[in-house]
Amino acid sequence: MLNNVVTSGVPIWEKINLTVKEAAEYSNIGINKIDNMLNNPMCTFVLHVGKKRLVKRKEFEKYLEKNIEI
């Protein structure tokens, strides 16, 4: 349940960017699948911060709404 998922005092659904683990918890999609999606050069919801990759939450939500299969 989303009400139980809070990191650093900010609820996940209020964060602009999510870690891969947070995105997996938020979407109920596995970490490996999200990693594979982020590796795609056409991925619109990846944000590179040095070697770290974050998921742009709003873009990720839009992607999930548009697709019926991933």
PDB file of N, CA and C in Angstrom:
ATOM      1  N   MET A   1       0.848  -1.182   0.000  1.00  0.00           N
ATOM      2  CA  MET A   1       0.000   0.000   0.000  1.00  0.00           C
ATOM      3  C   MET A   1       0.887   1.236   0.000  1.00  0.00           C
ATOM      4  N   LEU A   2       0.567   2.218  -0.797  1.00  0.00           N
ATOM      5  CA  LEU A   2       1.402   3.398  -0.946  1.00  0.00           C
ATOM      6  C   LEU A   2       1.563   4.185   0.337  1.00  0.00           C
ATOM      7  N   ASN A   3       0.589   4.162   1.223  1.00  0.00           N
ATOM      8  CA  ASN A   3       0.679   4.939   2.452  1.00  0.00           C
ATOM      9  C   ASN A   3       1.853   4.505   3.329  1.00  0.00           C
ATOM     10  N   ASN A   4       2.312   3.275   3.152  1.00  0.00           N
ATOM     11  CA  ASN A   4       3.407   2.759   3.963  1.00  0.00           C
ATOM     12  C   ASN A   4       4.770   3.016   3.336  1.00  0.00           C
ATOM     13  N   VAL A   5       4.837   3.506   2.116  1.00  0.00           N
ATOM     14  CA  VAL A   5       6.093   3.679   1.408  1.00  0.00           C
ATOM     15  C   VAL A   5       6.528   5.143   1.522  1.00  0.00           C
ATOM     16  N   VAL A   6       7.381   5.410   2.502  1.00  0.00           N
ATOM     17  CA  VAL A   6       7.871   6.765   2.722  1.00  0.00           C
ATOM     18  C   VAL A   6       9.377   6.682   2.932  1.00  0.00           C
ATOM     19  N   THR A   7      10.125   7.483   2.197  1.00  0.00           N
ATOM     20  CA  THR A   7      11.569   7.523   2.322  1.00  0.00           C
ATOM     21  C   THR A   7      11.981   8.953   2.620  1.00  0.00           C
ATOM     22  N   SER A   8      12.841   9.136   3.586  1.00  0.00           N
ATOM     23  CA  SER A   8      13.374  10.458   3.925  1.00  0.00           C
ATOM     24  C   SER A   8      12.273  11.457   4.266  1.00  0.00           C
ATOM     25  N   GLY A   9      11.161  10.985   4.782  1.00  0.00           N
ATOM     26  CA  GLY A   9      10.087  11.876   5.177  1.00  0.00           C
ATOM     27  C   GLY A   9       9.233  12.380   4.039  1.00  0.00           C
ATOM     28  N   VAL A  10       9.594  12.088   2.791  1.00  0.00           N
ATOM     29  CA  VAL A  10       8.814  12.523   1.633  1.00  0.00           C
ATOM     30  C   VAL A  10       8.141  11.291   1.028  1.00  0.00           C
ATOM     31  N   PRO A  11       6.820  11.282   0.938  1.00  0.00           N
ATOM     32  CA  PRO A  11       6.145  10.129   0.326  1.00  0.00           C
ATOM     33  C   PRO A  11       6.570   9.964  -1.134  1.00  0.00           C
ATOM     34  N   ILE A  12       6.661   8.729  -1.569  1.00  0.00           N
ATOM     35  CA  ILE A  12       7.102   8.431  -2.932  1.00  0.00           C
ATOM     36  C   ILE A  12       6.245   9.145  -3.965  1.00  0.00           C
ATOM     37  N   TRP A  13       4.942   9.186  -3.763  1.00  0.00           N
ATOM     38  CA  TRP A  13       4.052   9.795  -4.760  1.00  0.00           C
ATOM     39  C   TRP A  13       4.191  11.306  -4.831  1.00  0.00           C
ATOM     40  N   GLU A  14       4.994  11.915  -3.949  1.00  0.00           N
ATOM     41  CA  GLU A  14       5.261  13.350  -3.996  1.00  0.00           C
ATOM     42  C   GLU A  14       6.670  13.668  -4.506  1.00  0.00           C
ATOM     43  N   LYS A  15       7.500  12.649  -4.672  1.00  0.00           N
ATOM     44  CA  LYS A  15       8.858  12.858  -5.159  1.00  0.00           C
ATOM     45  C   LYS A  15       8.852  13.106  -6.660  1.00  0.00           C
ATOM     46  N   ILE A  16       9.770  13.915  -7.124  1.00  0.00           N
ATOM     47  CA  ILE A  16       9.902  14.180  -8.553  1.00  0.00           C
ATOM     48  C   ILE A  16      10.644  13.030  -9.217  1.00  0.00           C
ATOM     49  N   ASN A  17      11.718  12.562  -8.578  1.00  0.00           N
ATOM     50  CA  ASN A  17      12.536  11.466  -9.105  1.00  0.00           C
ATOM     51  C   ASN A  17      12.583  10.339  -8.093  1.00  0.00           C
ATOM     52  N   LEU A  18      12.633   9.117  -8.609  1.00  0.00           N
ATOM     53  CA  LEU A  18      12.655   7.933  -7.764  1.00  0.00           C
ATOM     54  C   LEU A  18      13.901   7.105  -8.055  1.00  0.00           C
ATOM     55  N   THR A  19      14.379   6.406  -7.047  1.00  0.00           N
ATOM     56  CA  THR A  19      15.416   5.411  -7.282  1.00  0.00           C
ATOM     57  C   THR A  19      14.747   4.225  -7.982  1.00  0.00           C
ATOM     58  N   VAL A  20      15.552   3.323  -8.513  1.00  0.00           N
ATOM     59  CA  VAL A  20      15.000   2.140  -9.173  1.00  0.00           C
ATOM     60  C   VAL A  20      14.181   1.332  -8.167  1.00  0.00           C
ATOM     61  N   LYS A  21      14.676   1.213  -6.958  1.00  0.00           N
ATOM     62  CA  LYS A  21      13.951   0.460  -5.926  1.00  0.00           C
ATOM     63  C   LYS A  21      12.610   1.121  -5.601  1.00  0.00           C
ATOM     64  N   GLU A  22      12.606   2.437  -5.463  1.00  0.00           N
ATOM     65  CA  GLU A  22      11.360   3.154  -5.188  1.00  0.00           C
ATOM     66  C   GLU A  22      10.379   3.006  -6.347  1.00  0.00           C
ATOM     67  N   ALA A  23      10.883   3.095  -7.585  1.00  0.00           N
ATOM     68  CA  ALA A  23      10.030   2.942  -8.766  1.00  0.00           C
ATOM     69  C   ALA A  23       9.418   1.540  -8.807  1.00  0.00           C
ATOM     70  N   ALA A  24      10.195   0.551  -8.410  1.00  0.00           N
ATOM     71  CA  ALA A  24       9.693  -0.822  -8.370  1.00  0.00           C
ATOM     72  C   ALA A  24       8.584  -0.960  -7.319  1.00  0.00           C
ATOM     73  N   GLU A  25       8.787  -0.384  -6.156  1.00  0.00           N
ATOM     74  CA  GLU A  25       7.766  -0.436  -5.104  1.00  0.00           C
ATOM     75  C   GLU A  25       6.518   0.330  -5.522  1.00  0.00           C
ATOM     76  N   TYR A  26       6.715   1.466  -6.141  1.00  0.00           N
ATOM     77  CA  TYR A  26       5.622   2.349  -6.556  1.00  0.00           C
ATOM     78  C   TYR A  26       4.755   1.707  -7.639  1.00  0.00           C
ATOM     79  N   SER A  27       5.396   1.016  -8.588  1.00  0.00           N
ATOM     80  CA  SER A  27       4.689   0.493  -9.753  1.00  0.00           C
ATOM     81  C   SER A  27       4.365  -0.996  -9.671  1.00  0.00           C
ATOM     82  N   ASN A  28       4.951  -1.686  -8.711  1.00  0.00           N
ATOM     83  CA  ASN A  28       4.810  -3.140  -8.595  1.00  0.00           C
ATOM     84  C   ASN A  28       5.422  -3.850  -9.808  1.00  0.00           C
ATOM     85  N   ILE A  29       6.468  -3.248 -10.364  1.00  0.00           N
ATOM     86  CA  ILE A  29       7.248  -3.835 -11.459  1.00  0.00           C
ATOM     87  C   ILE A  29       8.609  -4.179 -10.874  1.00  0.00           C
ATOM     88  N   GLY A  30       9.172  -5.294 -11.281  1.00  0.00           N
ATOM     89  CA  GLY A  30      10.446  -5.739 -10.736  1.00  0.00           C
ATOM     90  C   GLY A  30      11.610  -4.802 -11.038  1.00  0.00           C
ATOM     91  N   ILE A  31      12.596  -4.819 -10.155  1.00  0.00           N
ATOM     92  CA  ILE A  31      13.790  -3.984 -10.295  1.00  0.00           C
ATOM     93  C   ILE A  31      14.519  -4.301 -11.592  1.00  0.00           C
ATOM     94  N   ASN A  32      14.652  -5.576 -11.927  1.00  0.00           N
ATOM     95  CA  ASN A  32      15.360  -5.962 -13.155  1.00  0.00           C
ATOM     96  C   ASN A  32      14.640  -5.443 -14.394  1.00  0.00           C
ATOM     97  N   LYS A  33      13.319  -5.506 -14.400  1.00  0.00           N
ATOM     98  CA  LYS A  33      12.556  -5.014 -15.555  1.00  0.00           C
ATOM     99  C   LYS A  33      12.733  -3.503 -15.693  1.00  0.00           C
ATOM    100  N   ILE A  34      12.679  -2.776 -14.585  1.00  0.00           N
ATOM    101  CA  ILE A  34      12.872  -1.328 -14.639  1.00  0.00           C
ATOM    102  C   ILE A  34      14.287  -1.009 -15.109  1.00  0.00           C
ATOM    103  N   ASP A  35      15.279  -1.752 -14.617  1.00  0.00           N
ATOM    104  CA  ASP A  35      16.664  -1.569 -15.085  1.00  0.00           C
ATOM    105  C   ASP A  35      16.750  -1.734 -16.603  1.00  0.00           C
ATOM    106  N   ASN A  36      16.106  -2.778 -17.120  1.00  0.00           N
ATOM    107  CA  ASN A  36      16.112  -3.015 -18.571  1.00  0.00           C
ATOM    108  C   ASN A  36      15.454  -1.866 -19.319  1.00  0.00           C
ATOM    109  N   MET A  37      14.363  -1.348 -18.787  1.00  0.00           N
ATOM    110  CA  MET A  37      13.665  -0.230 -19.422  1.00  0.00           C
ATOM    111  C   MET A  37      14.565   1.006 -19.444  1.00  0.00           C
ATOM    112  N   LEU A  38      15.296   1.246 -18.359  1.00  0.00           N
ATOM    113  CA  LEU A  38      16.176   2.410 -18.276  1.00  0.00           C
ATOM    114  C   LEU A  38      17.380   2.290 -19.205  1.00  0.00           C
ATOM    115  N   ASN A  39      17.760   1.074 -19.546  1.00  0.00           N
ATOM    116  CA  ASN A  39      18.884   0.849 -20.460  1.00  0.00           C
ATOM    117  C   ASN A  39      18.543   1.178 -21.912  1.00  0.00           C
ATOM    118  N   ASN A  40      17.266   1.258 -22.219  1.00  0.00           N
ATOM    119  CA  ASN A  40      16.833   1.563 -23.579  1.00  0.00           C
ATOM    120  C   ASN A  40      17.196   3.016 -23.906  1.00  0.00           C
ATOM    121  N   PRO A  41      17.931   3.255 -24.987  1.00  0.00           N
ATOM    122  CA  PRO A  41      18.323   4.627 -25.345  1.00  0.00           C
ATOM    123  C   PRO A  41      17.131   5.551 -25.611  1.00  0.00           C
ATOM    124  N   MET A  42      15.976   4.990 -25.913  1.00  0.00           N
ATOM    125  CA  MET A  42      14.785   5.789 -26.188  1.00  0.00           C
ATOM    126  C   MET A  42      13.945   6.035 -24.927  1.00  0.00           C
ATOM    127  N   CYS A  43      14.418   5.604 -23.786  1.00  0.00           N
ATOM    128  CA  CYS A  43      13.677   5.762 -22.531  1.00  0.00           C
ATOM    129  C   CYS A  43      13.532   7.251 -22.199  1.00  0.00           C
ATOM    130  N   THR A  44      12.297   7.683 -22.000  1.00  0.00           N
ATOM    131  CA  THR A  44      12.020   9.101 -21.739  1.00  0.00           C
ATOM    132  C   THR A  44      11.977   9.442 -20.251  1.00  0.00           C
ATOM    133  N   PHE A  45      12.019   8.435 -19.390  1.00  0.00           N
ATOM    134  CA  PHE A  45      11.865   8.702 -17.957  1.00  0.00           C
ATOM    135  C   PHE A  45      13.121   8.428 -17.140  1.00  0.00           C
ATOM    136  N   VAL A  46      14.270   8.306 -17.799  1.00  0.00           N
ATOM    137  CA  VAL A  46      15.532   8.108 -17.078  1.00  0.00           C
ATOM    138  C   VAL A  46      16.238   9.453 -16.899  1.00  0.00           C
ATOM    139  N   LEU A  47      16.816   9.642 -15.723  1.00  0.00           N
ATOM    140  CA  LEU A  47      17.617  10.829 -15.424  1.00  0.00           C
ATOM    141  C   LEU A  47      18.967  10.341 -14.930  1.00  0.00           C
ATOM    142  N   HIS A  48      20.040  10.708 -15.637  1.00  0.00           N
ATOM    143  CA  HIS A  48      21.387  10.304 -15.255  1.00  0.00           C
ATOM    144  C   HIS A  48      21.986  11.366 -14.340  1.00  0.00           C
ATOM    145  N   VAL A  49      22.400  10.929 -13.161  1.00  0.00           N
ATOM    146  CA  VAL A  49      23.075  11.811 -12.203  1.00  0.00           C
ATOM    147  C   VAL A  49      24.409  11.141 -11.898  1.00  0.00           C
ATOM    148  N   GLY A  50      25.440  11.533 -12.636  1.00  0.00           N
ATOM    149  CA  GLY A  50      26.714  10.825 -12.540  1.00  0.00           C
ATOM    150  C   GLY A  50      26.515   9.399 -13.031  1.00  0.00           C
ATOM    151  N   LYS A  51      26.903   8.436 -12.214  1.00  0.00           N
ATOM    152  CA  LYS A  51      26.705   7.029 -12.554  1.00  0.00           C
ATOM    153  C   LYS A  51      25.347   6.513 -12.094  1.00  0.00           C
ATOM    154  N   LYS A  52      24.655   7.317 -11.344  1.00  0.00           N
ATOM    155  CA  LYS A  52      23.358   6.937 -10.792  1.00  0.00           C
ATOM    156  C   LYS A  52      22.245   7.221 -11.806  1.00  0.00           C
ATOM    157  N   ARG A  53      21.263   6.327 -11.855  1.00  0.00           N
ATOM    158  CA  ARG A  53      20.095   6.533 -12.707  1.00  0.00           C
ATOM    159  C   ARG A  53      18.861   6.685 -11.828  1.00  0.00           C
ATOM    160  N   LEU A  54      18.085   7.716 -12.104  1.00  0.00           N
ATOM    161  CA  LEU A  54      16.838   7.939 -11.399  1.00  0.00           C
ATOM    162  C   LEU A  54      15.688   7.853 -12.388  1.00  0.00           C
ATOM    163  N   VAL A  55      14.508   7.626 -11.854  1.00  0.00           N
ATOM    164  CA  VAL A  55      13.304   7.525 -12.666  1.00  0.00           C
ATOM    165  C   VAL A  55      12.485   8.797 -12.463  1.00  0.00           C
ATOM    166  N   LYS A  56      12.197   9.490 -13.563  1.00  0.00           N
ATOM    167  CA  LYS A  56      11.330  10.672 -13.511  1.00  0.00           C
ATOM    168  C   LYS A  56       9.905  10.165 -13.304  1.00  0.00           C
ATOM    169  N   ARG A  57       9.382  10.382 -12.099  1.00  0.00           N
ATOM    170  CA  ARG A  57       8.105   9.776 -11.697  1.00  0.00           C
ATOM    171  C   ARG A  57       6.962  10.122 -12.648  1.00  0.00           C
ATOM    172  N   LYS A  58       6.774  11.374 -12.979  1.00  0.00           N
ATOM    173  CA  LYS A  58       5.639  11.763 -13.829  1.00  0.00           C
ATOM    174  C   LYS A  58       5.754  11.178 -15.228  1.00  0.00           C
ATOM    175  N   GLU A  59       6.964  11.188 -15.795  1.00  0.00           N
ATOM    176  CA  GLU A  59       7.173  10.597 -17.115  1.00  0.00           C
ATOM    177  C   GLU A  59       6.956   9.081 -17.067  1.00  0.00           C
ATOM    178  N   PHE A  60       7.392   8.458 -15.980  1.00  0.00           N
ATOM    179  CA  PHE A  60       7.209   7.020 -15.782  1.00  0.00           C
ATOM    180  C   PHE A  60       5.715   6.692 -15.721  1.00  0.00           C
ATOM    181  N   GLU A  61       4.954   7.494 -14.988  1.00  0.00           N
ATOM    182  CA  GLU A  61       3.503   7.288 -14.895  1.00  0.00           C
ATOM    183  C   GLU A  61       2.857   7.416 -16.277  1.00  0.00           C
ATOM    184  N   LYS A  62       3.258   8.424 -17.052  1.00  0.00           N
ATOM    185  CA  LYS A  62       2.711   8.607 -18.399  1.00  0.00           C
ATOM    186  C   LYS A  62       3.017   7.399 -19.275  1.00  0.00           C
ATOM    187  N   TYR A  63       4.251   6.915 -19.174  1.00  0.00           N
ATOM    188  CA  TYR A  63       4.659   5.739 -19.945  1.00  0.00           C
ATOM    189  C   TYR A  63       3.778   4.541 -19.597  1.00  0.00           C
ATOM    190  N   LEU A  64       3.542   4.329 -18.316  1.00  0.00           N
ATOM    191  CA  LEU A  64       2.736   3.185 -17.889  1.00  0.00           C
ATOM    192  C   LEU A  64       1.280   3.328 -18.325  1.00  0.00           C
ATOM    193  N   GLU A  65       0.767   4.545 -18.328  1.00  0.00           N
ATOM    194  CA  GLU A  65      -0.610   4.772 -18.760  1.00  0.00           C
ATOM    195  C   GLU A  65      -0.792   4.492 -20.247  1.00  0.00           C
ATOM    196  N   LYS A  66       0.221   4.801 -21.061  1.00  0.00           N
ATOM    197  CA  LYS A  66       0.122   4.651 -22.510  1.00  0.00           C
ATOM    198  C   LYS A  66       0.293   3.212 -22.966  1.00  0.00           C
ATOM    199  N   ASN A  67       1.010   2.405 -22.204  1.00  0.00           N
ATOM    200  CA  ASN A  67       1.352   1.056 -22.643  1.00  0.00           C
ATOM    201  C   ASN A  67       0.477   0.017 -21.960  1.00  0.00           C
ATOM    202  N   ILE A  68       0.106  -1.004 -22.731  1.00  0.00           N
ATOM    203  CA  ILE A  68      -0.682  -2.089 -22.160  1.00  0.00           C
ATOM    204  C   ILE A  68       0.187  -3.302 -21.849  1.00  0.00           C
ATOM    205  N   GLU A  69       1.430  -3.258 -22.289  1.00  0.00           N
ATOM    206  CA  GLU A  69       2.362  -4.362 -22.043  1.00  0.00           C
ATOM    207  C   GLU A  69       3.770  -3.818 -22.001  1.00  0.00           C
ATOM    208  N   ILE A  70       4.569  -4.329 -21.059  1.00  0.00           N
ATOM    209  CA  ILE A  70       5.976  -3.921 -20.987  1.00  0.00           C
ATOM    210  C   ILE A  70       6.849  -5.151 -20.931  1.00  0.00           C
TER     211      ILE A  70
END
